Each structure stands twice: as structure tokens, then as C-alpha cells.
Amino acid sequence: MANMVTTGSSSSLLDISRKRPVVEGFKCRESTFREDGLTTVLFHATLPACHRQETMRLEELSFDCREPSCGALEDGEEAVLLSDEDYQVDSNFFDQGYSLAGATGFKVWTGTRLLIECLAWPYAGDCSRLGELQQKMSHGARVLELG
């Protein structure tokens, strides 16, 4: 019988034997860029050789963010720490109807990291539909991740 885990409040079962193994070579890191007194966090994710475009020397994806990622880095991956002066007040903060829900964007979350890994780093055990999407990605398809 496969390893099964019962989730806390749900009676559904999660088959943990279907967990995608760690992909060798996939790494992420953060860095900062400062221009005109504003600090931007850059989130970087490596690309496998099949996605690297020689004409552009694209070896990693980079995302501009307002803040460091939230749970997206693993042990040993380079993270940034911002000082108080690096944080910026949201220009919409004082607008009527402003909600902190809008402040969750512009940062990389764990789900984004998993999406990058699954789409860019093929694994022999991936299902055929995921394989089709990975093939499209290797030929330059674009993805808009809305969180």
C-alpha cells in the first residue's frame, strides 16, 4: 500500500508517494537592486540547458519584487534582508478602500517556485499533460502567474 497521510480536518487522503523528487540543478536566490533611492528585490531561478537561449544567454529567470520571497527559498539559497529604509510605503496606502490584501503581491511565494520548477525542469515521471506544457516552455512560451 502507498504511503498515505490523513489531513487534519479533512477525511481526504493524500498520496505522498506521488511527490515530485528534488530536481538536480534547480536553484533560486535573491539579490537587490537600488536605483533612485528605491530598492528592488530580484528573485532568480535557474533554467535547465533545454531552456537556455544562446542568443540572449538566458540562464535564469529573474523577477522584480517589492519584498523578499515568502517561503520560496530552501536551505543554502541566498536570501536578502531589507533594512527599514529599504521598505517603501505603498503609494495606494491612503486611498479609500485600500486593503492589506493588495500588499501580498509583488513577491515570490512557494507556489511560484513550484510552478517554475514543474514547468521548466522536466522529470521522467511527469504526466503527459505537464510534458506538453514543458515542451511549449522550452520553445519560448510565456506564463503569467497570478498568484
N, C-alpha and C. Protein backbone atom coordinates (compact mmCIF):
# COMPACT_ATOMS: atom_id res chain seq x y z
N MET A 1 0.84 -1.19 0.00
CA MET A 1 0.00 0.00 0.00
C MET A 1 0.88 1.24 0.00
N ALA A 2 0.49 2.26 -0.75
CA ALA A 2 1.24 3.52 -0.82
C ALA A 2 1.20 4.22 0.52
N ASN A 3 2.20 5.07 0.75
CA ASN A 3 2.19 5.88 1.98
C ASN A 3 1.03 6.85 1.92
N MET A 4 0.19 6.83 2.92
CA MET A 4 -0.97 7.71 2.94
C MET A 4 -0.95 8.56 4.19
N VAL A 5 -1.39 9.80 4.05
CA VAL A 5 -1.46 10.72 5.18
C VAL A 5 -2.87 11.27 5.24
N THR A 6 -3.47 11.24 6.40
CA THR A 6 -4.79 11.84 6.58
C THR A 6 -4.60 13.29 6.97
N THR A 7 -5.25 14.19 6.24
CA THR A 7 -5.12 15.61 6.56
C THR A 7 -5.96 15.93 7.78
N GLY A 8 -5.52 16.95 8.55
CA GLY A 8 -6.12 17.29 9.83
C GLY A 8 -7.62 17.30 9.91
N SER A 9 -8.28 18.28 9.28
CA SER A 9 -9.72 18.41 9.43
C SER A 9 -10.50 17.77 8.29
N SER A 10 -9.80 17.18 7.36
CA SER A 10 -10.46 16.60 6.21
C SER A 10 -10.36 15.07 6.26
N SER A 11 -11.33 14.43 5.68
CA SER A 11 -11.28 12.98 5.64
C SER A 11 -10.59 12.49 4.38
N SER A 12 -10.14 13.43 3.52
CA SER A 12 -9.47 13.02 2.29
C SER A 12 -8.07 12.51 2.59
N LEU A 13 -7.57 11.69 1.68
CA LEU A 13 -6.23 11.12 1.85
C LEU A 13 -5.30 11.72 0.81
N LEU A 14 -4.08 11.94 1.21
CA LEU A 14 -3.07 12.50 0.32
C LEU A 14 -2.04 11.41 0.08
N ASP A 15 -1.80 11.07 -1.16
CA ASP A 15 -0.84 10.04 -1.51
C ASP A 15 0.54 10.68 -1.61
N ILE A 16 1.37 10.55 -0.57
CA ILE A 16 2.67 11.20 -0.57
C ILE A 16 3.70 10.47 -1.41
N SER A 17 3.39 9.29 -1.92
CA SER A 17 4.32 8.59 -2.80
C SER A 17 4.38 9.26 -4.17
N ARG A 18 3.44 10.14 -4.48
CA ARG A 18 3.43 10.84 -5.77
C ARG A 18 4.19 12.14 -5.72
N LYS A 19 4.88 12.42 -4.63
CA LYS A 19 5.65 13.66 -4.50
C LYS A 19 6.74 13.71 -5.57
N ARG A 20 6.86 14.84 -6.24
CA ARG A 20 7.88 15.02 -7.28
C ARG A 20 9.24 15.13 -6.60
N PRO A 21 10.21 14.32 -7.03
CA PRO A 21 11.53 14.38 -6.38
C PRO A 21 12.24 15.70 -6.64
N VAL A 22 13.21 16.00 -5.81
CA VAL A 22 14.01 17.22 -5.98
C VAL A 22 14.75 17.13 -7.31
N VAL A 23 14.72 18.22 -8.06
CA VAL A 23 15.35 18.26 -9.37
C VAL A 23 16.76 18.81 -9.21
N GLU A 24 17.75 18.04 -9.65
CA GLU A 24 19.15 18.47 -9.57
C GLU A 24 19.38 19.67 -10.47
N GLY A 25 20.03 20.68 -9.96
CA GLY A 25 20.37 21.85 -10.76
C GLY A 25 19.42 23.03 -10.60
N PHE A 26 18.22 22.79 -10.08
CA PHE A 26 17.26 23.88 -9.91
C PHE A 26 17.57 24.61 -8.61
N LYS A 27 17.95 25.85 -8.71
CA LYS A 27 18.29 26.68 -7.55
C LYS A 27 17.66 28.05 -7.71
N CYS A 28 17.36 28.66 -6.58
CA CYS A 28 16.85 30.02 -6.56
C CYS A 28 17.73 30.87 -5.65
N ARG A 29 17.64 32.17 -5.81
CA ARG A 29 18.37 33.10 -4.95
C ARG A 29 17.73 34.47 -5.07
N GLU A 30 18.10 35.35 -4.15
CA GLU A 30 17.62 36.74 -4.20
C GLU A 30 18.80 37.68 -4.21
N SER A 31 18.60 38.84 -4.80
CA SER A 31 19.58 39.92 -4.75
C SER A 31 18.78 41.23 -4.72
N THR A 32 19.47 42.32 -4.52
CA THR A 32 18.78 43.62 -4.53
C THR A 32 19.38 44.52 -5.59
N PHE A 33 18.57 45.45 -6.02
CA PHE A 33 18.97 46.47 -6.99
C PHE A 33 18.45 47.79 -6.46
N ARG A 34 19.30 48.79 -6.40
CA ARG A 34 18.89 50.09 -5.87
C ARG A 34 19.09 51.15 -6.94
N GLU A 35 18.00 51.88 -7.22
CA GLU A 35 18.06 52.94 -8.22
C GLU A 35 17.15 54.09 -7.78
N ASP A 36 17.66 55.29 -7.87
CA ASP A 36 16.90 56.49 -7.49
C ASP A 36 16.35 56.38 -6.07
N GLY A 37 17.12 55.77 -5.17
CA GLY A 37 16.72 55.66 -3.78
C GLY A 37 15.71 54.56 -3.48
N LEU A 38 15.30 53.81 -4.50
CA LEU A 38 14.33 52.74 -4.32
C LEU A 38 15.02 51.38 -4.43
N THR A 39 14.72 50.48 -3.51
CA THR A 39 15.30 49.15 -3.51
C THR A 39 14.32 48.15 -4.11
N THR A 40 14.81 47.36 -5.04
CA THR A 40 14.03 46.30 -5.66
C THR A 40 14.68 44.98 -5.31
N VAL A 41 13.88 44.00 -4.93
CA VAL A 41 14.38 42.65 -4.69
C VAL A 41 14.24 41.89 -6.00
N LEU A 42 15.30 41.21 -6.40
CA LEU A 42 15.27 40.38 -7.59
C LEU A 42 15.27 38.93 -7.15
N PHE A 43 14.30 38.15 -7.63
CA PHE A 43 14.24 36.72 -7.36
C PHE A 43 14.72 36.02 -8.61
N HIS A 44 15.72 35.15 -8.47
CA HIS A 44 16.33 34.45 -9.60
C HIS A 44 16.07 32.95 -9.49
N ALA A 45 15.78 32.31 -10.63
CA ALA A 45 15.61 30.86 -10.69
C ALA A 45 16.38 30.34 -11.90
N THR A 46 17.20 29.33 -11.70
CA THR A 46 18.00 28.79 -12.80
C THR A 46 17.11 28.07 -13.82
N LEU A 47 17.59 28.03 -15.04
CA LEU A 47 16.89 27.32 -16.11
C LEU A 47 17.74 26.14 -16.55
N PRO A 48 17.10 25.04 -16.95
CA PRO A 48 17.87 23.90 -17.46
C PRO A 48 18.42 24.22 -18.85
N ALA A 49 19.37 23.44 -19.30
CA ALA A 49 20.02 23.68 -20.59
C ALA A 49 19.03 23.75 -21.74
N CYS A 50 17.94 22.97 -21.70
CA CYS A 50 16.98 22.96 -22.81
C CYS A 50 16.22 24.28 -22.94
N HIS A 51 16.24 25.13 -21.91
CA HIS A 51 15.55 26.42 -21.97
C HIS A 51 16.50 27.58 -22.25
N ARG A 52 17.77 27.32 -22.22
CA ARG A 52 18.74 28.41 -22.38
C ARG A 52 18.82 28.81 -23.84
N GLN A 53 18.68 30.08 -24.07
CA GLN A 53 18.71 30.60 -25.43
C GLN A 53 20.07 31.23 -25.68
N GLU A 54 20.83 30.67 -26.60
CA GLU A 54 22.20 31.11 -26.84
C GLU A 54 22.27 32.58 -27.24
N THR A 55 21.31 33.06 -28.02
CA THR A 55 21.38 34.43 -28.49
C THR A 55 21.24 35.44 -27.36
N MET A 56 20.52 35.07 -26.32
CA MET A 56 20.31 36.00 -25.20
C MET A 56 21.10 35.60 -23.97
N ARG A 57 21.75 34.43 -23.99
CA ARG A 57 22.49 33.93 -22.83
C ARG A 57 21.59 33.88 -21.59
N LEU A 58 20.36 33.48 -21.78
CA LEU A 58 19.39 33.40 -20.70
C LEU A 58 19.62 32.11 -19.92
N GLU A 59 20.18 32.22 -18.71
CA GLU A 59 20.45 31.06 -17.88
C GLU A 59 19.58 31.02 -16.64
N GLU A 60 18.83 32.10 -16.41
CA GLU A 60 17.94 32.12 -15.26
C GLU A 60 16.80 33.08 -15.52
N LEU A 61 15.71 32.86 -14.80
CA LEU A 61 14.59 33.79 -14.80
C LEU A 61 14.80 34.75 -13.65
N SER A 62 14.44 36.00 -13.83
CA SER A 62 14.53 36.98 -12.75
C SER A 62 13.22 37.73 -12.65
N PHE A 63 12.78 37.95 -11.42
CA PHE A 63 11.52 38.66 -11.17
C PHE A 63 11.81 39.86 -10.29
N ASP A 64 11.29 41.02 -10.66
CA ASP A 64 11.38 42.21 -9.81
C ASP A 64 10.29 42.13 -8.76
N CYS A 65 10.66 42.32 -7.51
CA CYS A 65 9.71 42.23 -6.41
C CYS A 65 9.86 43.44 -5.49
N ARG A 66 8.83 43.70 -4.71
CA ARG A 66 8.91 44.77 -3.71
C ARG A 66 9.59 44.28 -2.43
N GLU A 67 9.40 43.01 -2.12
CA GLU A 67 9.89 42.45 -0.86
C GLU A 67 10.55 41.11 -1.11
N PRO A 68 11.31 40.61 -0.14
CA PRO A 68 11.87 39.26 -0.26
C PRO A 68 10.77 38.23 -0.39
N SER A 69 11.11 37.07 -0.93
CA SER A 69 10.14 36.00 -1.13
C SER A 69 9.60 35.51 0.21
N CYS A 70 8.51 34.77 0.12
CA CYS A 70 7.86 34.26 1.33
C CYS A 70 7.83 32.74 1.26
N GLY A 71 8.82 32.09 1.87
CA GLY A 71 8.87 30.63 1.90
C GLY A 71 9.33 29.98 0.62
N ALA A 72 9.87 30.75 -0.32
CA ALA A 72 10.24 30.20 -1.62
C ALA A 72 11.68 29.72 -1.69
N LEU A 73 12.51 30.11 -0.74
CA LEU A 73 13.92 29.70 -0.76
C LEU A 73 14.13 28.50 0.14
N GLU A 74 15.08 27.66 -0.25
CA GLU A 74 15.42 26.50 0.55
C GLU A 74 16.76 26.73 1.24
N ASP A 75 17.11 25.84 2.17
CA ASP A 75 18.38 25.96 2.89
C ASP A 75 19.53 26.09 1.90
N GLY A 76 20.43 27.01 2.19
CA GLY A 76 21.61 27.20 1.36
C GLY A 76 21.41 28.14 0.19
N GLU A 77 20.19 28.59 -0.07
CA GLU A 77 19.96 29.53 -1.15
C GLU A 77 20.04 30.95 -0.61
N GLU A 78 20.65 31.82 -1.38
CA GLU A 78 20.95 33.19 -0.95
C GLU A 78 19.68 34.04 -0.84
N ALA A 79 19.45 34.57 0.36
CA ALA A 79 18.28 35.42 0.62
C ALA A 79 18.76 36.83 0.95
N VAL A 80 17.89 37.81 0.79
CA VAL A 80 18.23 39.17 1.16
C VAL A 80 17.43 39.57 2.40
N LEU A 81 17.99 40.45 3.17
CA LEU A 81 17.30 41.07 4.30
C LEU A 81 17.26 42.57 4.02
N LEU A 82 16.09 43.14 4.10
CA LEU A 82 15.96 44.57 3.85
C LEU A 82 16.01 45.33 5.17
N SER A 83 16.59 46.51 5.11
CA SER A 83 16.58 47.40 6.27
C SER A 83 15.29 48.22 6.25
N ASP A 84 15.02 48.92 7.32
CA ASP A 84 13.81 49.75 7.38
C ASP A 84 13.78 50.77 6.24
N GLU A 85 14.93 51.31 5.89
CA GLU A 85 14.96 52.33 4.83
C GLU A 85 14.73 51.74 3.44
N ASP A 86 14.92 50.42 3.30
CA ASP A 86 14.68 49.76 2.01
C ASP A 86 13.20 49.58 1.71
N TYR A 87 12.39 49.46 2.76
CA TYR A 87 10.95 49.28 2.56
C TYR A 87 10.31 50.58 2.11
N GLN A 88 9.36 50.46 1.19
CA GLN A 88 8.69 51.63 0.65
C GLN A 88 7.23 51.62 1.08
N VAL A 89 6.69 52.79 1.33
CA VAL A 89 5.27 52.89 1.64
C VAL A 89 4.51 52.71 0.34
N ASP A 90 3.51 51.85 0.38
CA ASP A 90 2.68 51.61 -0.79
C ASP A 90 2.01 52.92 -1.17
N SER A 91 2.18 53.34 -2.42
CA SER A 91 1.63 54.64 -2.86
C SER A 91 0.11 54.68 -2.80
N ASN A 92 -0.54 53.52 -2.71
CA ASN A 92 -2.01 53.47 -2.63
C ASN A 92 -2.52 53.34 -1.20
N PHE A 93 -1.61 53.36 -0.22
CA PHE A 93 -1.97 53.07 1.17
C PHE A 93 -3.11 53.95 1.69
N PHE A 94 -3.12 55.21 1.33
CA PHE A 94 -4.12 56.14 1.87
C PHE A 94 -5.37 56.26 0.99
N ASP A 95 -5.45 55.47 -0.08
CA ASP A 95 -6.63 55.50 -0.95
C ASP A 95 -7.83 54.90 -0.22
N GLN A 96 -9.01 55.45 -0.50
CA GLN A 96 -10.23 54.91 0.09
C GLN A 96 -10.43 53.49 -0.40
N GLY A 97 -10.76 52.58 0.51
CA GLY A 97 -10.98 51.19 0.15
C GLY A 97 -9.72 50.34 0.09
N TYR A 98 -8.57 50.93 0.44
CA TYR A 98 -7.32 50.17 0.42
C TYR A 98 -7.41 49.01 1.39
N SER A 99 -6.89 47.87 1.00
CA SER A 99 -6.90 46.69 1.85
C SER A 99 -5.50 46.09 1.87
N LEU A 100 -5.11 45.52 3.00
CA LEU A 100 -3.81 44.87 3.08
C LEU A 100 -3.73 43.65 2.16
N ALA A 101 -4.86 43.18 1.67
CA ALA A 101 -4.85 42.07 0.71
C ALA A 101 -4.04 42.44 -0.53
N GLY A 102 -4.04 43.72 -0.88
CA GLY A 102 -3.27 44.20 -2.03
C GLY A 102 -1.78 44.21 -1.78
N ALA A 103 -1.36 44.09 -0.54
CA ALA A 103 0.06 44.13 -0.20
C ALA A 103 0.72 42.77 -0.31
N THR A 104 -0.02 41.74 -0.68
CA THR A 104 0.57 40.39 -0.77
C THR A 104 1.22 40.15 -2.12
N GLY A 105 1.00 41.02 -3.07
CA GLY A 105 1.57 40.86 -4.40
C GLY A 105 3.00 41.36 -4.47
N PHE A 106 3.57 41.21 -5.63
CA PHE A 106 4.93 41.67 -5.93
C PHE A 106 5.99 41.02 -5.05
N LYS A 107 5.74 39.77 -4.67
CA LYS A 107 6.75 38.96 -4.00
C LYS A 107 6.54 37.53 -4.46
N VAL A 108 7.59 36.74 -4.38
CA VAL A 108 7.52 35.35 -4.82
C VAL A 108 7.13 34.47 -3.64
N TRP A 109 6.11 33.65 -3.85
CA TRP A 109 5.62 32.72 -2.83
C TRP A 109 6.05 31.30 -3.20
N THR A 110 5.89 30.37 -2.32
CA THR A 110 6.29 28.99 -2.53
C THR A 110 5.64 28.41 -3.79
N GLY A 111 4.38 28.71 -4.01
CA GLY A 111 3.67 28.19 -5.19
C GLY A 111 4.31 28.61 -6.49
N THR A 112 4.84 29.83 -6.54
CA THR A 112 5.51 30.31 -7.75
C THR A 112 6.77 29.50 -8.00
N ARG A 113 7.53 29.23 -6.94
CA ARG A 113 8.73 28.42 -7.09
C ARG A 113 8.37 27.04 -7.64
N LEU A 114 7.33 26.43 -7.10
CA LEU A 114 6.92 25.10 -7.56
C LEU A 114 6.46 25.13 -9.02
N LEU A 115 5.77 26.19 -9.40
CA LEU A 115 5.34 26.33 -10.79
C LEU A 115 6.54 26.43 -11.72
N ILE A 116 7.53 27.24 -11.36
CA ILE A 116 8.74 27.36 -12.18
C ILE A 116 9.42 26.00 -12.32
N GLU A 117 9.57 25.31 -11.21
CA GLU A 117 10.25 24.02 -11.24
C GLU A 117 9.49 23.02 -12.12
N CYS A 118 8.20 22.93 -11.96
CA CYS A 118 7.41 21.95 -12.73
C CYS A 118 7.38 22.27 -14.22
N LEU A 119 7.32 23.54 -14.58
CA LEU A 119 7.24 23.90 -15.99
C LEU A 119 8.60 23.91 -16.68
N ALA A 120 9.64 24.30 -15.98
CA ALA A 120 10.94 24.47 -16.63
C ALA A 120 11.86 23.27 -16.48
N TRP A 121 11.65 22.44 -15.45
CA TRP A 121 12.57 21.33 -15.18
C TRP A 121 11.83 20.00 -15.33
N PRO A 122 11.85 19.42 -16.53
CA PRO A 122 11.17 18.13 -16.75
C PRO A 122 11.73 17.01 -15.88
N TYR A 123 10.85 16.10 -15.51
CA TYR A 123 11.20 14.91 -14.74
C TYR A 123 10.55 13.72 -15.44
N ALA A 124 11.26 12.61 -15.50
CA ALA A 124 10.78 11.44 -16.23
C ALA A 124 9.39 10.98 -15.78
N GLY A 125 9.05 11.17 -14.52
CA GLY A 125 7.76 10.71 -14.00
C GLY A 125 6.61 11.69 -14.18
N ASP A 126 6.82 12.82 -14.85
CA ASP A 126 5.76 13.81 -15.04
C ASP A 126 4.69 13.26 -15.98
N CYS A 127 3.45 13.67 -15.75
CA CYS A 127 2.34 13.22 -16.60
C CYS A 127 2.47 13.82 -18.00
N SER A 128 1.75 13.26 -18.96
CA SER A 128 1.87 13.70 -20.36
C SER A 128 1.43 15.15 -20.55
N ARG A 129 0.40 15.58 -19.84
CA ARG A 129 -0.06 16.97 -19.99
C ARG A 129 1.01 17.95 -19.52
N LEU A 130 1.65 17.66 -18.41
CA LEU A 130 2.74 18.51 -17.92
C LEU A 130 3.89 18.48 -18.92
N GLY A 131 4.15 17.31 -19.51
CA GLY A 131 5.20 17.20 -20.53
C GLY A 131 4.93 18.10 -21.72
N GLU A 132 3.66 18.19 -22.13
CA GLU A 132 3.28 19.08 -23.24
C GLU A 132 3.56 20.54 -22.88
N LEU A 133 3.21 20.92 -21.67
CA LEU A 133 3.45 22.30 -21.23
C LEU A 133 4.96 22.58 -21.13
N GLN A 134 5.72 21.62 -20.64
CA GLN A 134 7.18 21.79 -20.55
C GLN A 134 7.78 21.96 -21.94
N GLN A 135 7.27 21.22 -22.91
CA GLN A 135 7.76 21.33 -24.29
C GLN A 135 7.49 22.73 -24.83
N LYS A 136 6.29 23.25 -24.58
CA LYS A 136 5.96 24.61 -25.02
C LYS A 136 6.87 25.64 -24.36
N MET A 137 7.17 25.42 -23.09
CA MET A 137 8.07 26.34 -22.37
C MET A 137 9.47 26.33 -22.98
N SER A 138 9.94 25.16 -23.38
CA SER A 138 11.29 25.07 -23.95
C SER A 138 11.37 25.76 -25.30
N HIS A 139 10.21 26.03 -25.92
CA HIS A 139 10.19 26.73 -27.21
C HIS A 139 9.79 28.20 -27.06
N GLY A 140 9.83 28.71 -25.83
CA GLY A 140 9.62 30.14 -25.63
C GLY A 140 8.24 30.58 -25.21
N ALA A 141 7.35 29.67 -24.83
CA ALA A 141 6.02 30.07 -24.38
C ALA A 141 6.15 30.97 -23.15
N ARG A 142 5.20 31.84 -22.96
CA ARG A 142 5.20 32.75 -21.80
C ARG A 142 4.13 32.32 -20.81
N VAL A 143 4.38 32.59 -19.54
CA VAL A 143 3.46 32.22 -18.48
C VAL A 143 3.18 33.46 -17.65
N LEU A 144 1.93 33.69 -17.33
CA LEU A 144 1.53 34.75 -16.41
C LEU A 144 0.99 34.07 -15.18
N GLU A 145 1.70 34.21 -14.07
CA GLU A 145 1.28 33.59 -12.82
C GLU A 145 0.60 34.67 -11.99
N LEU A 146 -0.65 34.47 -11.68
CA LEU A 146 -1.43 35.48 -10.99
C LEU A 146 -1.51 35.27 -9.48
N GLY A 147 -0.86 34.24 -8.98
CA GLY A 147 -0.88 34.01 -7.55
C GLY A 147 -2.06 33.23 -7.18
